[in-house]
Structures are given as C-alpha cells and as structure tokens.
Amino acid sequence: RNRSKQNQAGAMATKRTETDTDTEWGRAIEKPGLDAENDAARSNDPVSQTIDIAIVGGGLVGLSVAIGLLKKMPELNVKIYERAPELRSQSQGILAIHPNGMNALNAIDPEIPKRVHEVGCERHIRTITNINADGTVKDTVLDTKGDLSGKFGQVAVGITWHNCQQVLASLVPMKDENIVTSHSLSHFVEGDKSVLLFFENGSTVKA
C-alpha cells in the first residue's frame, strides 16, 4: 500500500508543470519566460537604456563590428559594453597582421589599415615553408624581398594589441558615448523582438 502511494505521488509529480501552484507545498513555481518585457517586470531593475544594437566586449572584434555597422548604417544606436574601467594603455602582446588581414580591415573601413600602418611596424620578412607531396617539410626559408603590397594589395604590419585597440576605438563615431566601460555582463534574456542584458553593476539594457 505504501509503495502504491509512492507510485501515485510520483505520477502526480510528473504531471506538475512549472507554472502550477501546489497548495500542498505552499508555493508557486514559475519558469522564467523568454519574453524580455516580462523578464524586466519580474526583476527589480528597470531598463536603464533602450538601443538598437548592443555589442558585449570592447576588444578588437567588438570595435571592428561597431565601426562596420555605423559606417553602413550611421543612424543606428550602437553601444559597446566593456567590463574594464578603461581601454588598455599598455600590453605585451604583438599582433602580426598579414596582407589578407589588412584587406579584411580595409573592407570594414579603409581608414583602419591606414592607421594601423601608421602606428605599427611594417614587416618585410616572412617565413616560407615548402611542403613535400607526402606532407613532410622540405625546407623553410626567409623571404626578404620586401614590399608585399604589389602582390597582395597590402603590406604586413606588426602592432601591439593595445595600440590596435586604440586605433579601432578612435574610429568609433562618438566613442565617448558609444563605448561604455565598467559594464560586465551577468546574463541576458532573449525575447521575440529584443534582448535584455543584465550587467553586474545593476543596469539593464534592452536592444
């Protein structure tokens, strides 16, 4: 009989939905919805700002995306949210941007490779590795022929990470308004037509 009651209780438990109110347990279980509007209503944090596009992360990719979007559609309200209190002023890492990379930056905005070239150091030496048909390395040679722009349309450039970040940030329109620092993302909730971003400092952004 006890086993029968246990089985019956188990069957009832499987029929519960996460939106049912269980008077026996004395509490209601709600499943957080995927509707951004309702999620904002549930939270105690009002929406701090409503924008068109939110980019989380003020690194090289985030800044490049913002530049490209605003160049094509300057009417958009685009914000970049960076968790650091400020963009970097120093770094140890050095990026080697090869001609294909410079061409990709040129496709976003021709001003980017121009400024990267001005701030960075042009690289005239490249390593060429010749591979045999069986996949083994035949030899490795240094190519010191110099300018690669004649063949690839762009030169290779070495630049420190923080200098590249500063170059990109300088090309974001109204950067002081559109690059928002000290915003570390806690979580986000997707709705049908919008996304709510919840930041650890208590602010909530709808995009």
N, C-alpha and C. Protein backbone atom coordinates (compact mmCIF):
# COMPACT_ATOMS: atom_id res chain seq x y z
N ARG A 1 0.83 -1.20 0.00
CA ARG A 1 0.00 0.00 0.00
C ARG A 1 0.86 1.25 0.00
N ASN A 2 1.94 1.21 0.85
CA ASN A 2 2.85 2.35 0.89
C ASN A 2 3.52 2.56 -0.47
N ARG A 3 3.89 1.43 -1.10
CA ARG A 3 4.54 1.53 -2.41
C ARG A 3 3.57 2.10 -3.43
N SER A 4 2.30 1.69 -3.31
CA SER A 4 1.29 2.21 -4.24
C SER A 4 1.13 3.72 -4.07
N LYS A 5 1.14 4.20 -2.82
CA LYS A 5 1.03 5.64 -2.57
C LYS A 5 2.23 6.38 -3.14
N GLN A 6 3.43 5.78 -2.99
CA GLN A 6 4.63 6.41 -3.51
C GLN A 6 4.58 6.54 -5.02
N ASN A 7 4.09 5.45 -5.68
CA ASN A 7 3.98 5.49 -7.14
C ASN A 7 2.97 6.53 -7.58
N GLN A 8 1.86 6.63 -6.82
CA GLN A 8 0.83 7.61 -7.16
C GLN A 8 1.36 9.03 -7.01
N ALA A 9 2.13 9.24 -5.92
CA ALA A 9 2.72 10.56 -5.69
C ALA A 9 3.71 10.90 -6.78
N GLY A 10 4.47 9.87 -7.21
CA GLY A 10 5.44 10.10 -8.28
C GLY A 10 4.76 10.46 -9.58
N ALA A 11 3.65 9.80 -9.87
CA ALA A 11 2.91 10.10 -11.10
C ALA A 11 2.36 11.51 -11.06
N MET A 12 1.88 11.93 -9.88
CA MET A 12 1.37 13.29 -9.74
C MET A 12 2.48 14.31 -9.94
N ALA A 13 3.66 13.97 -9.44
CA ALA A 13 4.79 14.89 -9.56
C ALA A 13 5.17 15.08 -11.01
N THR A 14 5.08 14.02 -11.81
CA THR A 14 5.46 14.15 -13.21
C THR A 14 4.45 14.97 -13.99
N LYS A 15 3.22 15.09 -13.47
CA LYS A 15 2.20 15.86 -14.15
C LYS A 15 2.29 17.35 -13.81
N ARG A 16 3.10 17.69 -12.80
CA ARG A 16 3.23 19.09 -12.42
C ARG A 16 3.84 19.89 -13.57
N THR A 17 3.40 21.08 -13.72
CA THR A 17 4.04 22.00 -14.66
C THR A 17 4.73 23.08 -13.85
N GLU A 18 5.69 23.71 -14.46
CA GLU A 18 6.47 24.71 -13.73
C GLU A 18 5.71 26.01 -13.50
N THR A 19 4.50 26.08 -14.01
CA THR A 19 3.68 27.26 -13.77
C THR A 19 2.52 26.95 -12.84
N ASP A 20 2.40 25.68 -12.36
CA ASP A 20 1.32 25.29 -11.46
C ASP A 20 1.58 25.79 -10.05
N THR A 21 0.49 26.05 -9.32
CA THR A 21 0.60 26.37 -7.91
C THR A 21 0.27 25.12 -7.11
N ASP A 22 1.19 24.69 -6.27
CA ASP A 22 0.99 23.48 -5.47
C ASP A 22 0.63 23.91 -4.06
N THR A 23 -0.64 23.78 -3.70
CA THR A 23 -1.06 24.22 -2.37
C THR A 23 -0.47 23.33 -1.29
N GLU A 24 -0.18 22.06 -1.62
CA GLU A 24 0.39 21.17 -0.63
C GLU A 24 1.79 21.64 -0.25
N TRP A 25 2.55 22.11 -1.26
CA TRP A 25 3.89 22.61 -0.99
C TRP A 25 3.86 24.06 -0.51
N GLY A 26 2.72 24.72 -0.76
CA GLY A 26 2.56 26.08 -0.28
C GLY A 26 3.34 27.11 -1.07
N ARG A 27 3.66 26.83 -2.30
CA ARG A 27 4.39 27.81 -3.12
C ARG A 27 4.09 27.59 -4.59
N ALA A 28 4.30 28.62 -5.38
CA ALA A 28 4.10 28.54 -6.82
C ALA A 28 5.46 28.48 -7.49
N ILE A 29 5.57 27.64 -8.48
CA ILE A 29 6.82 27.52 -9.23
C ILE A 29 6.63 28.17 -10.58
N GLU A 30 7.43 29.14 -10.87
CA GLU A 30 7.34 29.82 -12.16
C GLU A 30 8.60 29.57 -12.97
N LYS A 31 8.40 29.28 -14.20
CA LYS A 31 9.53 29.13 -15.11
C LYS A 31 9.83 30.49 -15.71
N PRO A 32 11.06 31.01 -15.58
CA PRO A 32 11.39 32.31 -16.18
C PRO A 32 11.08 32.30 -17.67
N GLY A 33 10.33 33.27 -18.12
CA GLY A 33 9.93 33.30 -19.51
C GLY A 33 11.04 33.77 -20.43
N LEU A 34 10.84 33.59 -21.71
CA LEU A 34 11.80 34.05 -22.70
C LEU A 34 11.40 35.39 -23.28
N ASP A 35 10.36 36.00 -22.67
CA ASP A 35 9.92 37.30 -23.15
C ASP A 35 10.66 38.38 -22.39
N ALA A 36 11.39 39.20 -23.10
CA ALA A 36 12.24 40.19 -22.46
C ALA A 36 11.43 41.19 -21.65
N GLU A 37 10.24 41.55 -22.13
CA GLU A 37 9.43 42.53 -21.41
C GLU A 37 9.04 41.97 -20.04
N ASN A 38 8.57 40.70 -20.01
CA ASN A 38 8.13 40.11 -18.75
C ASN A 38 9.30 39.89 -17.80
N ASP A 39 10.46 39.55 -18.35
CA ASP A 39 11.62 39.34 -17.50
C ASP A 39 12.01 40.64 -16.80
N ALA A 40 11.90 41.76 -17.51
CA ALA A 40 12.21 43.05 -16.90
C ALA A 40 11.22 43.37 -15.80
N ALA A 41 9.96 42.99 -16.01
CA ALA A 41 8.96 43.25 -15.00
C ALA A 41 9.21 42.42 -13.75
N ARG A 42 9.70 41.17 -13.93
CA ARG A 42 9.99 40.31 -12.80
C ARG A 42 11.15 40.86 -11.98
N SER A 43 12.16 41.39 -12.66
CA SER A 43 13.33 41.88 -11.95
C SER A 43 13.02 43.21 -11.29
N ASN A 44 13.82 43.55 -10.32
CA ASN A 44 13.66 44.84 -9.64
C ASN A 44 14.41 45.95 -10.35
N ASP A 45 15.09 45.59 -11.42
CA ASP A 45 15.91 46.57 -12.15
C ASP A 45 15.15 47.08 -13.36
N PRO A 46 14.82 48.37 -13.38
CA PRO A 46 14.17 48.90 -14.57
C PRO A 46 15.16 48.94 -15.74
N VAL A 47 14.64 49.00 -16.95
CA VAL A 47 15.50 49.10 -18.11
C VAL A 47 16.19 50.47 -18.09
N SER A 48 17.52 50.44 -18.06
CA SER A 48 18.29 51.68 -17.98
C SER A 48 18.33 52.40 -19.32
N GLN A 49 18.34 51.61 -20.39
CA GLN A 49 18.51 52.20 -21.71
C GLN A 49 17.99 51.26 -22.77
N THR A 50 17.40 51.82 -23.81
CA THR A 50 16.95 51.04 -24.97
C THR A 50 17.73 51.50 -26.19
N ILE A 51 18.38 50.54 -26.86
CA ILE A 51 19.21 50.86 -28.02
C ILE A 51 18.91 49.90 -29.15
N ASP A 52 19.52 50.15 -30.30
CA ASP A 52 19.31 49.25 -31.45
C ASP A 52 20.17 47.99 -31.35
N ILE A 53 21.46 48.18 -31.10
CA ILE A 53 22.40 47.05 -31.08
C ILE A 53 23.35 47.20 -29.90
N ALA A 54 23.51 46.13 -29.14
CA ALA A 54 24.46 46.08 -28.03
C ALA A 54 25.57 45.11 -28.38
N ILE A 55 26.81 45.56 -28.26
CA ILE A 55 27.97 44.71 -28.51
C ILE A 55 28.67 44.51 -27.17
N VAL A 56 28.79 43.26 -26.75
CA VAL A 56 29.41 42.97 -25.46
C VAL A 56 30.89 42.67 -25.68
N GLY A 57 31.74 43.53 -25.17
CA GLY A 57 33.18 43.35 -25.30
C GLY A 57 33.80 44.41 -26.18
N GLY A 58 34.70 45.20 -25.62
CA GLY A 58 35.35 46.26 -26.38
C GLY A 58 36.71 45.85 -26.90
N GLY A 59 36.85 44.59 -27.28
CA GLY A 59 38.10 44.12 -27.87
C GLY A 59 38.16 44.44 -29.35
N LEU A 60 39.09 43.82 -30.04
CA LEU A 60 39.31 44.14 -31.45
C LEU A 60 38.10 43.77 -32.32
N VAL A 61 37.49 42.64 -32.02
CA VAL A 61 36.34 42.21 -32.82
C VAL A 61 35.13 43.10 -32.56
N GLY A 62 34.83 43.35 -31.28
CA GLY A 62 33.69 44.18 -30.96
C GLY A 62 33.79 45.57 -31.56
N LEU A 63 34.96 46.18 -31.48
CA LEU A 63 35.16 47.51 -32.04
C LEU A 63 35.04 47.49 -33.56
N SER A 64 35.60 46.46 -34.19
CA SER A 64 35.52 46.35 -35.65
C SER A 64 34.08 46.21 -36.12
N VAL A 65 33.29 45.41 -35.39
CA VAL A 65 31.88 45.23 -35.75
C VAL A 65 31.14 46.56 -35.64
N ALA A 66 31.41 47.31 -34.57
CA ALA A 66 30.75 48.60 -34.38
C ALA A 66 31.11 49.58 -35.51
N ILE A 67 32.38 49.62 -35.88
CA ILE A 67 32.81 50.52 -36.96
C ILE A 67 32.08 50.18 -38.25
N GLY A 68 32.04 48.88 -38.57
CA GLY A 68 31.39 48.45 -39.81
C GLY A 68 29.91 48.76 -39.82
N LEU A 69 29.23 48.50 -38.71
CA LEU A 69 27.79 48.76 -38.63
C LEU A 69 27.49 50.25 -38.80
N LEU A 70 28.24 51.07 -38.06
CA LEU A 70 27.96 52.51 -38.08
C LEU A 70 28.39 53.16 -39.39
N LYS A 71 29.32 52.54 -40.08
CA LYS A 71 29.71 53.09 -41.38
C LYS A 71 28.61 52.84 -42.41
N LYS A 72 28.00 51.65 -42.34
CA LYS A 72 26.94 51.31 -43.27
C LYS A 72 25.60 51.94 -42.89
N MET A 73 25.34 51.98 -41.57
CA MET A 73 24.05 52.50 -41.09
C MET A 73 24.29 53.45 -39.92
N PRO A 74 24.72 54.66 -40.21
CA PRO A 74 25.07 55.62 -39.15
C PRO A 74 23.90 56.02 -38.27
N GLU A 75 22.69 55.73 -38.72
CA GLU A 75 21.51 56.10 -37.92
C GLU A 75 21.27 55.16 -36.75
N LEU A 76 21.97 54.02 -36.72
CA LEU A 76 21.78 53.05 -35.64
C LEU A 76 22.34 53.57 -34.32
N ASN A 77 21.67 53.19 -33.25
CA ASN A 77 22.17 53.47 -31.90
C ASN A 77 22.90 52.22 -31.43
N VAL A 78 24.22 52.23 -31.54
CA VAL A 78 25.05 51.08 -31.22
C VAL A 78 25.91 51.41 -30.00
N LYS A 79 25.89 50.53 -29.01
CA LYS A 79 26.72 50.70 -27.83
C LYS A 79 27.63 49.48 -27.65
N ILE A 80 28.86 49.75 -27.23
CA ILE A 80 29.82 48.69 -26.92
C ILE A 80 30.01 48.67 -25.41
N TYR A 81 29.79 47.52 -24.80
CA TYR A 81 29.89 47.40 -23.34
C TYR A 81 31.15 46.61 -22.98
N GLU A 82 32.05 47.30 -22.30
CA GLU A 82 33.35 46.73 -21.93
C GLU A 82 33.42 46.62 -20.41
N ARG A 83 33.86 45.45 -19.92
CA ARG A 83 33.89 45.26 -18.47
C ARG A 83 35.02 46.01 -17.77
N ALA A 84 36.11 46.29 -18.48
CA ALA A 84 37.23 47.01 -17.87
C ALA A 84 36.85 48.47 -17.62
N PRO A 85 37.45 49.11 -16.63
CA PRO A 85 37.14 50.51 -16.36
C PRO A 85 37.63 51.46 -17.44
N GLU A 86 38.56 51.02 -18.25
CA GLU A 86 39.05 51.83 -19.37
C GLU A 86 39.73 50.92 -20.38
N LEU A 87 39.88 51.41 -21.60
CA LEU A 87 40.58 50.61 -22.62
C LEU A 87 42.05 50.56 -22.27
N ARG A 88 42.71 49.57 -22.77
CA ARG A 88 44.11 49.35 -22.39
C ARG A 88 45.03 50.47 -22.87
N SER A 89 46.00 50.78 -22.03
CA SER A 89 47.03 51.75 -22.41
C SER A 89 48.38 51.07 -22.59
N GLN A 90 48.45 49.78 -22.28
CA GLN A 90 49.68 49.02 -22.50
C GLN A 90 49.35 47.54 -22.61
N SER A 91 50.24 46.82 -23.26
CA SER A 91 50.08 45.37 -23.41
C SER A 91 51.40 44.78 -23.85
N GLN A 92 51.54 43.47 -23.66
CA GLN A 92 52.76 42.79 -24.06
C GLN A 92 52.62 42.08 -25.40
N GLY A 93 51.40 41.76 -25.76
CA GLY A 93 51.19 41.00 -26.98
C GLY A 93 51.35 41.84 -28.23
N ILE A 94 51.94 41.24 -29.25
CA ILE A 94 52.11 41.91 -30.55
C ILE A 94 51.36 41.11 -31.61
N LEU A 95 50.53 41.81 -32.36
CA LEU A 95 49.78 41.18 -33.43
C LEU A 95 50.56 41.28 -34.73
N ALA A 96 50.59 40.20 -35.47
CA ALA A 96 51.15 40.22 -36.82
C ALA A 96 49.97 40.16 -37.79
N ILE A 97 49.66 41.29 -38.40
CA ILE A 97 48.53 41.35 -39.32
C ILE A 97 49.07 41.22 -40.75
N HIS A 98 48.75 40.12 -41.37
CA HIS A 98 49.25 39.83 -42.71
C HIS A 98 48.39 40.54 -43.77
N PRO A 99 48.83 40.56 -45.01
CA PRO A 99 48.09 41.29 -46.04
C PRO A 99 46.61 40.93 -46.14
N ASN A 100 46.27 39.64 -46.00
CA ASN A 100 44.85 39.27 -46.04
C ASN A 100 44.08 39.91 -44.91
N GLY A 101 44.69 39.96 -43.72
CA GLY A 101 44.05 40.62 -42.59
C GLY A 101 43.87 42.10 -42.82
N MET A 102 44.87 42.73 -43.41
CA MET A 102 44.78 44.16 -43.72
C MET A 102 43.70 44.41 -44.77
N ASN A 103 43.56 43.50 -45.71
CA ASN A 103 42.49 43.63 -46.71
C ASN A 103 41.11 43.49 -46.07
N ALA A 104 41.00 42.61 -45.07
CA ALA A 104 39.73 42.45 -44.36
C ALA A 104 39.38 43.72 -43.60
N LEU A 105 40.38 44.32 -42.95
CA LEU A 105 40.15 45.59 -42.24
C LEU A 105 39.79 46.70 -43.21
N ASN A 106 40.39 46.66 -44.39
CA ASN A 106 40.09 47.66 -45.41
C ASN A 106 38.64 47.56 -45.88
N ALA A 107 38.11 46.33 -45.89
CA ALA A 107 36.72 46.13 -46.30
C ALA A 107 35.75 46.73 -45.27
N ILE A 108 36.16 46.74 -44.01
CA ILE A 108 35.33 47.36 -42.96
C ILE A 108 35.38 48.87 -43.08
N ASP A 109 36.60 49.40 -43.15
CA ASP A 109 36.79 50.85 -43.29
C ASP A 109 38.23 51.06 -43.76
N PRO A 110 38.43 51.68 -44.92
CA PRO A 110 39.79 51.89 -45.44
C PRO A 110 40.70 52.67 -44.50
N GLU A 111 40.10 53.37 -43.56
CA GLU A 111 40.91 54.15 -42.61
C GLU A 111 41.62 53.25 -41.61
N ILE A 112 41.08 52.05 -41.37
CA ILE A 112 41.67 51.17 -40.36
C ILE A 112 43.08 50.72 -40.75
N PRO A 113 43.28 50.08 -41.93
CA PRO A 113 44.66 49.66 -42.28
C PRO A 113 45.61 50.84 -42.40
N LYS A 114 45.10 51.98 -42.82
CA LYS A 114 45.94 53.17 -42.93
C LYS A 114 46.50 53.55 -41.57
N ARG A 115 45.65 53.60 -40.55
CA ARG A 115 46.11 53.99 -39.21
C ARG A 115 46.91 52.89 -38.54
N VAL A 116 46.54 51.63 -38.79
CA VAL A 116 47.33 50.52 -38.25
C VAL A 116 48.74 50.58 -38.80
N HIS A 117 48.88 50.89 -40.08
CA HIS A 117 50.19 51.00 -40.70
C HIS A 117 50.99 52.16 -40.11
N GLU A 118 50.30 53.26 -39.81
CA GLU A 118 50.98 54.43 -39.23
C GLU A 118 51.49 54.14 -37.82
N VAL A 119 50.69 53.42 -37.03
CA VAL A 119 51.04 53.16 -35.64
C VAL A 119 51.97 51.96 -35.50
N GLY A 120 51.77 50.97 -36.34
CA GLY A 120 52.54 49.74 -36.24
C GLY A 120 53.86 49.80 -36.98
N CYS A 121 54.41 48.62 -37.18
CA CYS A 121 55.71 48.50 -37.85
C CYS A 121 55.57 47.56 -39.05
N GLU A 122 55.91 48.07 -40.21
CA GLU A 122 55.79 47.26 -41.43
C GLU A 122 56.77 46.10 -41.39
N ARG A 123 56.28 44.93 -41.76
CA ARG A 123 57.10 43.72 -41.72
C ARG A 123 57.50 43.35 -43.15
N HIS A 124 58.81 43.29 -43.38
CA HIS A 124 59.31 43.00 -44.72
C HIS A 124 59.86 41.58 -44.85
N ILE A 125 59.86 40.85 -43.76
CA ILE A 125 60.41 39.50 -43.78
C ILE A 125 59.29 38.52 -43.47
N ARG A 126 59.19 37.49 -44.25
CA ARG A 126 58.21 36.45 -43.98
C ARG A 126 58.87 35.09 -44.10
N THR A 127 58.34 34.13 -43.40
CA THR A 127 58.86 32.77 -43.43
C THR A 127 58.04 31.92 -44.40
N ILE A 128 58.73 31.26 -45.30
CA ILE A 128 58.06 30.39 -46.27
C ILE A 128 58.47 28.95 -45.99
N THR A 129 57.48 28.09 -45.78
CA THR A 129 57.74 26.68 -45.54
C THR A 129 57.26 25.88 -46.75
N ASN A 130 58.18 25.17 -47.37
CA ASN A 130 57.86 24.34 -48.53
C ASN A 130 57.56 22.91 -48.06
N ILE A 131 56.42 22.38 -48.51
CA ILE A 131 55.95 21.06 -48.07
C ILE A 131 56.05 20.07 -49.23
N ASN A 132 56.56 18.88 -48.93
CA ASN A 132 56.62 17.81 -49.93
C ASN A 132 55.24 17.22 -50.16
N ALA A 133 55.11 16.43 -51.21
CA ALA A 133 53.83 15.81 -51.55
C ALA A 133 53.33 14.89 -50.44
N ASP A 134 54.26 14.28 -49.67
CA ASP A 134 53.86 13.36 -48.60
C ASP A 134 53.55 14.08 -47.30
N GLY A 135 53.62 15.42 -47.33
CA GLY A 135 53.27 16.20 -46.14
C GLY A 135 54.43 16.58 -45.26
N THR A 136 55.63 16.07 -45.57
CA THR A 136 56.79 16.43 -44.76
C THR A 136 57.33 17.80 -45.19
N VAL A 137 58.06 18.42 -44.29
CA VAL A 137 58.62 19.73 -44.58
C VAL A 137 59.89 19.60 -45.42
N LYS A 138 59.89 20.24 -46.55
CA LYS A 138 61.07 20.19 -47.42
C LYS A 138 62.12 21.15 -46.91
N ASP A 139 61.76 22.40 -46.74
CA ASP A 139 62.68 23.38 -46.19
C ASP A 139 61.89 24.62 -45.76
N THR A 140 62.54 25.46 -44.99
CA THR A 140 61.96 26.72 -44.54
C THR A 140 62.95 27.83 -44.86
N VAL A 141 62.48 28.84 -45.55
CA VAL A 141 63.37 29.93 -45.95
C VAL A 141 62.76 31.26 -45.54
N LEU A 142 63.61 32.24 -45.37
CA LEU A 142 63.17 33.60 -45.08
C LEU A 142 63.10 34.38 -46.38
N ASP A 143 61.94 35.00 -46.61
CA ASP A 143 61.76 35.84 -47.78
C ASP A 143 62.00 37.29 -47.37
N THR A 144 63.02 37.88 -47.91
CA THR A 144 63.36 39.27 -47.56
C THR A 144 63.20 40.19 -48.77
N LYS A 145 62.28 39.86 -49.65
CA LYS A 145 62.11 40.66 -50.86
C LYS A 145 61.41 41.99 -50.61
N GLY A 146 60.88 42.15 -49.38
CA GLY A 146 60.34 43.47 -49.05
C GLY A 146 58.86 43.60 -49.27
N ASP A 147 58.46 44.68 -49.90
CA ASP A 147 57.07 45.10 -50.00
C ASP A 147 56.19 44.01 -50.61
N LEU A 148 55.12 43.66 -49.89
CA LEU A 148 54.18 42.65 -50.37
C LEU A 148 52.96 43.27 -51.03
N SER A 149 52.86 44.60 -50.99
CA SER A 149 51.64 45.25 -51.46
C SER A 149 51.41 45.06 -52.96
N GLY A 150 52.50 44.88 -53.70
CA GLY A 150 52.34 44.69 -55.14
C GLY A 150 51.60 43.41 -55.46
N LYS A 151 51.79 42.39 -54.64
CA LYS A 151 51.15 41.10 -54.88
C LYS A 151 49.80 40.97 -54.18
N PHE A 152 49.72 41.50 -52.96
CA PHE A 152 48.53 41.28 -52.15
C PHE A 152 47.69 42.55 -51.93
N GLY A 153 48.19 43.68 -52.35
CA GLY A 153 47.44 44.92 -52.18
C GLY A 153 47.64 45.59 -50.84
N GLN A 154 48.22 44.88 -49.89
CA GLN A 154 48.50 45.43 -48.57
C GLN A 154 49.83 44.88 -48.08
N VAL A 155 50.43 45.58 -47.12
CA VAL A 155 51.66 45.10 -46.51
C VAL A 155 51.32 44.36 -45.22
N ALA A 156 52.29 43.66 -44.68
CA ALA A 156 52.14 43.02 -43.37
C ALA A 156 52.61 44.00 -42.31
N VAL A 157 51.90 44.04 -41.19
CA VAL A 157 52.20 45.01 -40.13
C VAL A 157 52.21 44.31 -38.79
N GLY A 158 53.16 44.69 -37.95
CA GLY A 158 53.18 44.26 -36.56
C GLY A 158 52.74 45.42 -35.68
N ILE A 159 51.84 45.16 -34.73
CA ILE A 159 51.32 46.22 -33.87
C ILE A 159 50.97 45.63 -32.51
N THR A 160 51.21 46.37 -31.45
CA THR A 160 50.84 45.88 -30.13
C THR A 160 49.31 45.84 -30.00
N TRP A 161 48.83 44.93 -29.14
CA TRP A 161 47.39 44.72 -29.01
C TRP A 161 46.69 46.02 -28.58
N HIS A 162 47.26 46.70 -27.58
CA HIS A 162 46.57 47.88 -27.07
C HIS A 162 46.59 49.02 -28.08
N ASN A 163 47.64 49.12 -28.89
CA ASN A 163 47.66 50.15 -29.93
C ASN A 163 46.60 49.87 -30.99
N CYS A 164 46.42 48.61 -31.32
CA CYS A 164 45.39 48.25 -32.29
C CYS A 164 44.01 48.57 -31.72
N GLN A 165 43.81 48.27 -30.44
CA GLN A 165 42.54 48.60 -29.80
C GLN A 165 42.29 50.11 -29.81
N GLN A 166 43.32 50.88 -29.54
CA GLN A 166 43.17 52.34 -29.52
C GLN A 166 42.87 52.88 -30.92
N VAL A 167 43.51 52.30 -31.92
CA VAL A 167 43.24 52.71 -33.30
C VAL A 167 41.77 52.48 -33.65
N LEU A 168 41.28 51.29 -33.33
CA LEU A 168 39.89 50.96 -33.64
C LEU A 168 38.93 51.83 -32.84
N ALA A 169 39.23 52.05 -31.57
CA ALA A 169 38.35 52.87 -30.74
C ALA A 169 38.25 54.29 -31.28
N SER A 170 39.35 54.78 -31.81
CA SER A 170 39.35 56.16 -32.33
C SER A 170 38.45 56.31 -33.55
N LEU A 171 38.14 55.20 -34.20
CA LEU A 171 37.31 55.24 -35.41
C LEU A 171 35.84 54.95 -35.13
N VAL A 172 35.50 54.68 -33.87
CA VAL A 172 34.09 54.51 -33.50
C VAL A 172 33.47 55.89 -33.35
N PRO A 173 32.44 56.20 -34.13
CA PRO A 173 31.81 57.51 -34.02
C PRO A 173 31.32 57.79 -32.60
N MET A 174 31.56 59.00 -32.12
CA MET A 174 31.17 59.41 -30.77
C MET A 174 31.59 58.36 -29.74
N LYS A 175 32.88 58.01 -29.77
CA LYS A 175 33.36 56.89 -28.97
C LYS A 175 33.12 57.08 -27.48
N ASP A 176 33.16 58.33 -27.00
CA ASP A 176 32.95 58.56 -25.57
C ASP A 176 31.54 58.18 -25.14
N GLU A 177 30.59 58.26 -26.06
CA GLU A 177 29.22 57.87 -25.76
C GLU A 177 28.96 56.41 -26.10
N ASN A 178 29.57 55.93 -27.15
CA ASN A 178 29.22 54.60 -27.67
C ASN A 178 30.07 53.48 -27.09
N ILE A 179 31.19 53.80 -26.45
CA ILE A 179 31.99 52.79 -25.75
C ILE A 179 31.74 52.98 -24.26
N VAL A 180 31.04 52.03 -23.66
CA VAL A 180 30.64 52.14 -22.26
C VAL A 180 31.48 51.17 -21.43
N THR A 181 32.32 51.70 -20.57
CA THR A 181 33.21 50.87 -19.76
C THR A 181 32.56 50.52 -18.41
N SER A 182 33.26 49.67 -17.67
CA SER A 182 32.80 49.21 -16.34
C SER A 182 31.43 48.54 -16.40
N HIS A 183 31.18 47.81 -17.46
CA HIS A 183 29.93 47.07 -17.63
C HIS A 183 30.26 45.60 -17.92
N SER A 184 30.19 44.79 -16.88
CA SER A 184 30.44 43.35 -17.03
C SER A 184 29.10 42.63 -17.11
N LEU A 185 28.89 41.89 -18.20
CA LEU A 185 27.61 41.23 -18.43
C LEU A 185 27.41 40.09 -17.44
N SER A 186 26.24 40.09 -16.79
CA SER A 186 25.87 39.00 -15.89
C SER A 186 25.15 37.90 -16.66
N HIS A 187 24.08 38.28 -17.36
CA HIS A 187 23.33 37.33 -18.18
C HIS A 187 22.44 38.11 -19.13
N PHE A 188 21.81 37.40 -20.04
CA PHE A 188 20.89 38.04 -20.97
C PHE A 188 19.68 37.14 -21.20
N VAL A 189 18.59 37.75 -21.60
CA VAL A 189 17.36 37.02 -21.89
C VAL A 189 16.86 37.45 -23.26
N GLU A 190 16.61 36.48 -24.11
CA GLU A 190 16.14 36.77 -25.45
C GLU A 190 14.62 36.77 -25.51
N GLY A 191 14.06 37.77 -26.16
CA GLY A 191 12.64 37.81 -26.45
C GLY A 191 12.42 37.62 -27.93
N ASP A 192 11.18 37.76 -28.37
CA ASP A 192 10.87 37.59 -29.79
C ASP A 192 11.49 38.70 -30.63
N LYS A 193 11.50 39.91 -30.10
CA LYS A 193 11.97 41.04 -30.88
C LYS A 193 13.08 41.84 -30.21
N SER A 194 13.52 41.39 -29.05
CA SER A 194 14.54 42.15 -28.34
C SER A 194 15.32 41.24 -27.40
N VAL A 195 16.38 41.79 -26.86
CA VAL A 195 17.21 41.08 -25.88
C VAL A 195 17.42 42.00 -24.69
N LEU A 196 17.31 41.44 -23.49
CA LEU A 196 17.62 42.18 -22.28
C LEU A 196 18.98 41.75 -21.77
N LEU A 197 19.83 42.71 -21.53
CA LEU A 197 21.16 42.43 -21.00
C LEU A 197 21.23 42.94 -19.56
N PHE A 198 21.60 42.05 -18.66
CA PHE A 198 21.71 42.40 -17.24
C PHE A 198 23.19 42.48 -16.87
N PHE A 199 23.62 43.63 -16.38
CA PHE A 199 25.02 43.83 -16.03
C PHE A 199 25.22 43.76 -14.53
N GLU A 200 26.43 43.42 -14.13
CA GLU A 200 26.73 43.21 -12.72
C GLU A 200 26.63 44.49 -11.90
N ASN A 201 26.69 45.65 -12.54
CA ASN A 201 26.55 46.90 -11.80
C ASN A 201 25.10 47.28 -11.57
N GLY A 202 24.16 46.41 -11.98
CA GLY A 202 22.75 46.65 -11.73
C GLY A 202 22.00 47.25 -12.90
N SER A 203 22.68 47.69 -13.92
CA SER A 203 21.99 48.29 -15.06
C SER A 203 21.44 47.22 -15.98
N THR A 204 20.36 47.56 -16.67
CA THR A 204 19.70 46.65 -17.59
C THR A 204 19.49 47.38 -18.92
N VAL A 205 19.90 46.76 -20.01
CA VAL A 205 19.83 47.37 -21.32
C VAL A 205 18.97 46.51 -22.23
N LYS A 206 18.07 47.16 -22.95
CA LYS A 206 17.24 46.47 -23.95
C LYS A 206 17.75 46.81 -25.34
N ALA A 207 17.98 45.78 -26.15
CA ALA A 207 18.47 46.01 -27.52
C ALA A 207 17.68 45.14 -28.49
